[in-house]
Amino acid sequence: MTIRGAGAGVPETSESVEDAILMRAVARGETEPFAVLVRRHGSRLYRIALRMTGDGSEAEDIVQECFTRLWQAAPGWQPRGAGLAGWLCRVTMNLCRDRHRRLRIVADGAIPERADDQPLADRQIELVEAQQALLRALADLPERYRGALVLCYYEGLSNVMAADILDLSVKALESLLVRARKQLRTLLEREQYRIRHVRTEVGEEAA
């Protein structure tokens, strides 16, 4: 089996060159270079999987499966463009898509309970509410919109690399991002209204 990295349009980086060297060692069955690759790329893949599924345990399983596939495919590795990083992101996105999982979030209206010995400050509650609102909004987006936003904005990948991972042209990705941002903005406005409504109800109950 031959696997290739990102497309030819993606510029090569020093990291991709180092990854190619490590992959040659992994292809020989060396475990330490493989561990280096896991440490280097694991966190990003976990964040992508978490934002796509909303489930930490599910995200861990997806990342583990991704690296299992990498180990198995190492003998046929051929670096291209941005190389390994693009390939790993692509596999992670495909695994998320295969699971057909929606984001699982804290129930609507839920506010973190205050611990007796460590009461949460109002600012901390606001931050938690904002994070939950974003997760809800992302969950309501079509999967392709969510994937484009996660790669380009949350992970900071270039449009060229993200387009390669999603198997789109750069122009198609840019058009997709415009629509995704517009829909996300609408969903976030709805979530902000919901949060204000919940706060009002909580205030009335406390009065």
C-alpha atoms as a PDB file:
ATOM      1  CA  MET A   1       0.000   0.000   0.000  1.00  0.00           C
ATOM      2  CA  THR A   2       1.315   3.428  -0.939  1.00  0.00           C
ATOM      3  CA  ILE A   3       0.198   6.525   0.934  1.00  0.00           C
ATOM      4  CA  ARG A   4       1.024  10.081   0.098  1.00  0.00           C
ATOM      5  CA  GLY A   5       1.022  13.314   2.013  1.00  0.00           C
ATOM      6  CA  ALA A   6      -0.734  16.519   1.077  1.00  0.00           C
ATOM      7  CA  GLY A   7      -1.086  17.592  -2.540  1.00  0.00           C
ATOM      8  CA  ALA A   8       1.588  19.126  -4.675  1.00  0.00           C
ATOM      9  CA  GLY A   9       0.145  22.610  -4.193  1.00  0.00           C
ATOM     10  CA  VAL A  10       0.941  22.566  -0.484  1.00  0.00           C
ATOM     11  CA  PRO A  11       4.345  24.129   0.311  1.00  0.00           C
ATOM     12  CA  GLU A  12       6.911  21.902   1.975  1.00  0.00           C
ATOM     13  CA  THR A  13       7.941  22.860   5.515  1.00  0.00           C
ATOM     14  CA  SER A  14      10.860  21.946   7.766  1.00  0.00           C
ATOM     15  CA  GLU A  15       8.449  19.908   9.872  1.00  0.00           C
ATOM     16  CA  SER A  16       7.301  17.910   6.862  1.00  0.00           C
ATOM     17  CA  VAL A  17      10.934  17.180   5.970  1.00  0.00           C
ATOM     18  CA  GLU A  18      11.625  15.982   9.525  1.00  0.00           C
ATOM     19  CA  ASP A  19       8.463  13.895   9.453  1.00  0.00           C
ATOM     20  CA  ALA A  20       9.597  12.213   6.238  1.00  0.00           C
ATOM     21  CA  ILE A  21      12.894  11.259   7.889  1.00  0.00           C
ATOM     22  CA  LEU A  22      11.069   9.871  10.917  1.00  0.00           C
ATOM     23  CA  MET A  23       8.665   7.958   8.690  1.00  0.00           C
ATOM     24  CA  ARG A  24      11.542   6.165   6.996  1.00  0.00           C
ATOM     25  CA  ALA A  25      12.629   4.955  10.429  1.00  0.00           C
ATOM     26  CA  VAL A  26       9.063   3.951  11.321  1.00  0.00           C
ATOM     27  CA  ALA A  27       8.905   1.970   8.076  1.00  0.00           C
ATOM     28  CA  ARG A  28      11.837  -0.065   9.428  1.00  0.00           C
ATOM     29  CA  GLY A  29       9.803  -0.844  12.541  1.00  0.00           C
ATOM     30  CA  GLU A  30      11.506   1.633  14.904  1.00  0.00           C
ATOM     31  CA  THR A  31       9.175   2.636  17.737  1.00  0.00           C
ATOM     32  CA  GLU A  32      10.914   5.737  19.121  1.00  0.00           C
ATOM     33  CA  PRO A  33      10.525   7.781  15.904  1.00  0.00           C
ATOM     34  CA  PHE A  34       6.879   6.714  15.876  1.00  0.00           C
ATOM     35  CA  ALA A  35       6.497   8.005  19.448  1.00  0.00           C
ATOM     36  CA  VAL A  36       7.985  11.327  18.346  1.00  0.00           C
ATOM     37  CA  LEU A  37       5.362  11.606  15.606  1.00  0.00           C
ATOM     38  CA  VAL A  38       2.591  10.807  18.073  1.00  0.00           C
ATOM     39  CA  ARG A  39       3.799  13.540  20.431  1.00  0.00           C
ATOM     40  CA  ARG A  40       4.217  16.009  17.586  1.00  0.00           C
ATOM     41  CA  HIS A  41       0.827  15.526  15.930  1.00  0.00           C
ATOM     42  CA  GLY A  42      -1.378  13.883  18.540  1.00  0.00           C
ATOM     43  CA  SER A  43      -2.664  17.029  20.247  1.00  0.00           C
ATOM     44  CA  ARG A  44      -3.820  18.643  17.014  1.00  0.00           C
ATOM     45  CA  LEU A  45      -5.576  15.475  15.868  1.00  0.00           C
ATOM     46  CA  TYR A  46      -7.310  15.182  19.230  1.00  0.00           C
ATOM     47  CA  ARG A  47      -8.557  18.776  19.047  1.00  0.00           C
ATOM     48  CA  ILE A  48      -9.898  18.200  15.546  1.00  0.00           C
ATOM     49  CA  ALA A  49     -11.647  14.984  16.555  1.00  0.00           C
ATOM     50  CA  LEU A  50     -13.051  16.555  19.715  1.00  0.00           C
ATOM     51  CA  ARG A  51     -14.539  19.505  17.861  1.00  0.00           C
ATOM     52  CA  MET A  52     -15.964  17.253  15.187  1.00  0.00           C
ATOM     53  CA  THR A  53     -17.524  14.726  17.593  1.00  0.00           C
ATOM     54  CA  GLY A  54     -17.908  16.628  20.862  1.00  0.00           C
ATOM     55  CA  ASP A  55     -16.902  13.497  22.760  1.00  0.00           C
ATOM     56  CA  GLY A  56     -13.505  13.228  24.450  1.00  0.00           C
ATOM     57  CA  SER A  57     -13.530   9.442  24.629  1.00  0.00           C
ATOM     58  CA  GLU A  58     -14.595   9.182  20.995  1.00  0.00           C
ATOM     59  CA  ALA A  59     -11.852  11.636  20.004  1.00  0.00           C
ATOM     60  CA  GLU A  60      -9.216   9.535  21.779  1.00  0.00           C
ATOM     61  CA  ASP A  61     -10.391   6.416  19.950  1.00  0.00           C
ATOM     62  CA  ILE A  62     -10.239   8.212  16.608  1.00  0.00           C
ATOM     63  CA  VAL A  63      -6.699   9.476  17.223  1.00  0.00           C
ATOM     64  CA  GLN A  64      -5.568   6.012  18.304  1.00  0.00           C
ATOM     65  CA  GLU A  65      -7.066   4.506  15.153  1.00  0.00           C
ATOM     66  CA  CYS A  66      -5.401   7.190  13.035  1.00  0.00           C
ATOM     67  CA  PHE A  67      -1.949   6.376  14.390  1.00  0.00           C
ATOM     68  CA  THR A  68      -2.624   2.652  14.096  1.00  0.00           C
ATOM     69  CA  ARG A  69      -3.293   3.181  10.405  1.00  0.00           C
ATOM     70  CA  LEU A  70      -0.135   5.261  10.109  1.00  0.00           C
ATOM     71  CA  TRP A  71       1.998   2.493  11.624  1.00  0.00           C
ATOM     72  CA  GLN A  72       0.466  -0.071   9.295  1.00  0.00           C
ATOM     73  CA  ALA A  73       0.914   2.131   6.235  1.00  0.00           C
ATOM     74  CA  ALA A  74       4.454   3.312   7.056  1.00  0.00           C
ATOM     75  CA  PRO A  75       6.260   0.913   4.675  1.00  0.00           C
ATOM     76  CA  GLY A  76       4.485   2.522   1.717  1.00  0.00           C
ATOM     77  CA  TRP A  77       4.891   6.127   2.832  1.00  0.00           C
ATOM     78  CA  GLN A  78       5.859   8.611   0.119  1.00  0.00           C
ATOM     79  CA  PRO A  79       6.074  12.273   1.212  1.00  0.00           C
ATOM     80  CA  ARG A  80       4.296  14.889  -0.880  1.00  0.00           C
ATOM     81  CA  GLY A  81       3.911  18.599  -0.168  1.00  0.00           C
ATOM     82  CA  ALA A  82       3.122  19.204   3.504  1.00  0.00           C
ATOM     83  CA  GLY A  83       3.374  15.451   3.930  1.00  0.00           C
ATOM     84  CA  LEU A  84       2.441  13.669   7.087  1.00  0.00           C
ATOM     85  CA  ALA A  85       0.498  16.442   8.835  1.00  0.00           C
ATOM     86  CA  GLY A  86      -1.925  16.701   5.950  1.00  0.00           C
ATOM     87  CA  TRP A  87      -2.324  12.939   5.698  1.00  0.00           C
ATOM     88  CA  LEU A  88      -3.012  12.581   9.418  1.00  0.00           C
ATOM     89  CA  CYS A  89      -5.583  15.388   9.392  1.00  0.00           C
ATOM     90  CA  ARG A  90      -7.292  13.855   6.382  1.00  0.00           C
ATOM     91  CA  VAL A  91      -7.511  10.423   8.043  1.00  0.00           C
ATOM     92  CA  THR A  92      -8.816  11.988  11.257  1.00  0.00           C
ATOM     93  CA  MET A  93     -11.518  13.899   9.392  1.00  0.00           C
ATOM     94  CA  ASN A  94     -12.511  10.765   7.490  1.00  0.00           C
ATOM     95  CA  LEU A  95     -12.724   8.753  10.705  1.00  0.00           C
ATOM     96  CA  CYS A  96     -14.912  11.434  12.270  1.00  0.00           C
ATOM     97  CA  ARG A  97     -17.138  11.371   9.206  1.00  0.00           C
ATOM     98  CA  ASP A  98     -17.358   7.592   9.287  1.00  0.00           C
ATOM     99  CA  ARG A  99     -18.560   7.588  12.872  1.00  0.00           C
ATOM    100  CA  HIS A 100     -21.566   9.776  11.964  1.00  0.00           C
ATOM    101  CA  ARG A 101     -21.500  11.366  15.366  1.00  0.00           C
ATOM    102  CA  ARG A 102     -22.904  14.741  16.287  1.00  0.00           C
ATOM    103  CA  LEU A 103     -21.434  16.922  18.990  1.00  0.00           C
ATOM    104  CA  ARG A 104     -22.651  15.876  22.419  1.00  0.00           C
ATOM    105  CA  ILE A 105     -22.875  18.888  24.662  1.00  0.00           C
ATOM    106  CA  VAL A 106     -24.048  19.916  28.087  1.00  0.00           C
ATOM    107  CA  ALA A 107     -27.840  20.048  28.152  1.00  0.00           C
ATOM    108  CA  ASP A 108     -29.481  23.336  27.188  1.00  0.00           C
ATOM    109  CA  GLY A 109     -29.722  25.717  30.079  1.00  0.00           C
ATOM    110  CA  ALA A 110     -27.201  23.882  32.220  1.00  0.00           C
ATOM    111  CA  ILE A 111     -25.066  26.038  34.474  1.00  0.00           C
ATOM    112  CA  PRO A 112     -22.046  24.560  36.293  1.00  0.00           C
ATOM    113  CA  GLU A 113     -22.759  23.744  39.911  1.00  0.00           C
ATOM    114  CA  ARG A 114     -20.814  25.687  42.498  1.00  0.00           C
ATOM    115  CA  ALA A 115     -18.450  23.621  44.581  1.00  0.00           C
ATOM    116  CA  ASP A 116     -18.772  24.416  48.275  1.00  0.00           C
ATOM    117  CA  ASP A 117     -15.061  25.004  48.753  1.00  0.00           C
ATOM    118  CA  GLN A 118     -14.306  26.541  45.326  1.00  0.00           C
ATOM    119  CA  PRO A 119     -17.139  28.790  44.135  1.00  0.00           C
ATOM    120  CA  LEU A 120     -16.920  29.772  40.486  1.00  0.00           C
ATOM    121  CA  ALA A 121     -16.556  33.440  39.690  1.00  0.00           C
ATOM    122  CA  ASP A 122     -19.136  34.991  37.393  1.00  0.00           C
ATOM    123  CA  ARG A 123     -16.459  35.446  34.751  1.00  0.00           C
ATOM    124  CA  GLN A 124     -15.664  31.726  34.809  1.00  0.00           C
ATOM    125  CA  ILE A 125     -19.342  30.903  34.345  1.00  0.00           C
ATOM    126  CA  GLU A 126     -19.519  33.293  31.410  1.00  0.00           C
ATOM    127  CA  LEU A 127     -16.533  31.604  29.779  1.00  0.00           C
ATOM    128  CA  VAL A 128     -18.088  28.166  30.223  1.00  0.00           C
ATOM    129  CA  GLU A 129     -21.375  29.432  28.787  1.00  0.00           C
ATOM    130  CA  ALA A 130     -19.573  30.920  25.785  1.00  0.00           C
ATOM    131  CA  GLN A 131     -17.710  27.665  25.138  1.00  0.00           C
ATOM    132  CA  GLN A 132     -20.903  25.638  25.367  1.00  0.00           C
ATOM    133  CA  ALA A 133     -22.678  28.073  23.047  1.00  0.00           C
ATOM    134  CA  LEU A 134     -19.923  27.663  20.468  1.00  0.00           C
ATOM    135  CA  LEU A 135     -20.106  23.866  20.697  1.00  0.00           C
ATOM    136  CA  ARG A 136     -23.867  23.962  20.221  1.00  0.00           C
ATOM    137  CA  ALA A 137     -23.519  26.247  17.219  1.00  0.00           C
ATOM    138  CA  LEU A 138     -20.819  24.043  15.671  1.00  0.00           C
ATOM    139  CA  ALA A 139     -22.974  20.976  16.284  1.00  0.00           C
ATOM    140  CA  ASP A 140     -25.814  22.512  14.290  1.00  0.00           C
ATOM    141  CA  LEU A 141     -23.640  23.241  11.269  1.00  0.00           C
ATOM    142  CA  PRO A 142     -23.514  20.823   8.329  1.00  0.00           C
ATOM    143  CA  GLU A 143     -20.487  18.541   8.720  1.00  0.00           C
ATOM    144  CA  ARG A 144     -18.598  20.053   5.780  1.00  0.00           C
ATOM    145  CA  TYR A 145     -19.042  23.562   7.216  1.00  0.00           C
ATOM    146  CA  ARG A 146     -17.861  22.404  10.632  1.00  0.00           C
ATOM    147  CA  GLY A 147     -14.839  20.646   9.161  1.00  0.00           C
ATOM    148  CA  ALA A 148     -13.744  23.694   7.170  1.00  0.00           C
ATOM    149  CA  LEU A 149     -14.041  26.001  10.186  1.00  0.00           C
ATOM    150  CA  VAL A 150     -12.222  23.595  12.506  1.00  0.00           C
ATOM    151  CA  LEU A 151      -9.269  23.197  10.139  1.00  0.00           C
ATOM    152  CA  CYS A 152      -8.915  26.807   8.991  1.00  0.00           C
ATOM    153  CA  TYR A 153      -9.800  28.786  12.098  1.00  0.00           C
ATOM    154  CA  TYR A 154      -9.385  26.571  15.141  1.00  0.00           C
ATOM    155  CA  GLU A 155      -6.297  24.748  13.897  1.00  0.00           C
ATOM    156  CA  GLY A 156      -4.952  27.586  11.764  1.00  0.00           C
ATOM    157  CA  LEU A 157      -4.200  25.504   8.677  1.00  0.00           C
ATOM    158  CA  SER A 158      -3.666  27.336   5.417  1.00  0.00           C
ATOM    159  CA  ASN A 159      -6.496  27.308   2.901  1.00  0.00           C
ATOM    160  CA  VAL A 160      -4.287  25.292   0.563  1.00  0.00           C
ATOM    161  CA  MET A 161      -3.666  22.563   3.121  1.00  0.00           C
ATOM    162  CA  ALA A 162      -7.259  22.519   4.405  1.00  0.00           C
ATOM    163  CA  ALA A 163      -8.573  22.273   0.853  1.00  0.00           C
ATOM    164  CA  ASP A 164      -6.299  19.303   0.198  1.00  0.00           C
ATOM    165  CA  ILE A 165      -7.469  17.552   3.376  1.00  0.00           C
ATOM    166  CA  LEU A 166     -11.130  18.115   2.475  1.00  0.00           C
ATOM    167  CA  ASP A 167     -10.533  17.187  -1.169  1.00  0.00           C
ATOM    168  CA  LEU A 168     -11.679  20.587  -2.436  1.00  0.00           C
ATOM    169  CA  SER A 169     -10.199  23.260  -4.641  1.00  0.00           C
ATOM    170  CA  VAL A 170      -8.996  26.349  -2.773  1.00  0.00           C
ATOM    171  CA  LYS A 171     -11.709  28.401  -4.463  1.00  0.00           C
ATOM    172  CA  ALA A 172     -14.391  25.936  -3.359  1.00  0.00           C
ATOM    173  CA  LEU A 173     -13.033  25.986   0.197  1.00  0.00           C
ATOM    174  CA  GLU A 174     -13.071  29.778   0.324  1.00  0.00           C
ATOM    175  CA  SER A 175     -16.678  29.802  -0.860  1.00  0.00           C
ATOM    176  CA  LEU A 176     -17.528  27.156   1.728  1.00  0.00           C
ATOM    177  CA  LEU A 177     -15.918  29.214   4.497  1.00  0.00           C
ATOM    178  CA  VAL A 178     -17.971  32.276   3.585  1.00  0.00           C
ATOM    179  CA  ARG A 179     -21.200  30.298   3.912  1.00  0.00           C
ATOM    180  CA  ALA A 180     -19.995  28.527   7.060  1.00  0.00           C
ATOM    181  CA  ARG A 181     -19.079  31.797   8.800  1.00  0.00           C
ATOM    182  CA  LYS A 182     -22.428  33.321   7.905  1.00  0.00           C
ATOM    183  CA  GLN A 183     -24.381  30.371   9.259  1.00  0.00           C
ATOM    184  CA  LEU A 184     -22.215  30.125  12.381  1.00  0.00           C
ATOM    185  CA  ARG A 185     -22.782  33.816  13.087  1.00  0.00           C
ATOM    186  CA  THR A 186     -26.542  33.307  12.885  1.00  0.00           C
ATOM    187  CA  LEU A 187     -26.384  30.287  15.184  1.00  0.00           C
ATOM    188  CA  LEU A 188     -24.211  32.122  17.722  1.00  0.00           C
ATOM    189  CA  GLU A 189     -26.667  35.023  17.812  1.00  0.00           C
ATOM    190  CA  ARG A 190     -29.391  32.508  18.608  1.00  0.00           C
ATOM    191  CA  GLU A 191     -27.254  30.982  21.363  1.00  0.00           C
ATOM    192  CA  GLN A 192     -26.523  34.387  22.889  1.00  0.00           C
ATOM    193  CA  TYR A 193     -30.251  35.093  23.017  1.00  0.00           C
ATOM    194  CA  ARG A 194     -30.833  31.728  24.701  1.00  0.00           C
ATOM    195  CA  ILE A 195     -28.146  32.423  27.319  1.00  0.00           C
ATOM    196  CA  ARG A 196     -29.623  35.833  28.127  1.00  0.00           C
ATOM    197  CA  HIS A 197     -33.047  34.199  28.483  1.00  0.00           C
ATOM    198  CA  VAL A 198     -31.674  31.535  30.850  1.00  0.00           C
ATOM    199  CA  ARG A 199     -29.901  34.153  32.958  1.00  0.00           C
ATOM    200  CA  THR A 200     -33.137  36.122  33.253  1.00  0.00           C
ATOM    201  CA  GLU A 201     -35.010  33.030  34.410  1.00  0.00           C
ATOM    202  CA  VAL A 202     -32.300  32.175  36.940  1.00  0.00           C
ATOM    203  CA  GLY A 203     -32.367  35.732  38.255  1.00  0.00           C
ATOM    204  CA  GLU A 204     -36.140  35.638  38.669  1.00  0.00           C
ATOM    205  CA  GLU A 205     -35.966  32.335  40.537  1.00  0.00           C
ATOM    206  CA  ALA A 206     -33.285  33.676  42.867  1.00  0.00           C
ATOM    207  CA  ALA A 207     -35.265  36.848  43.625  1.00  0.00           C
END
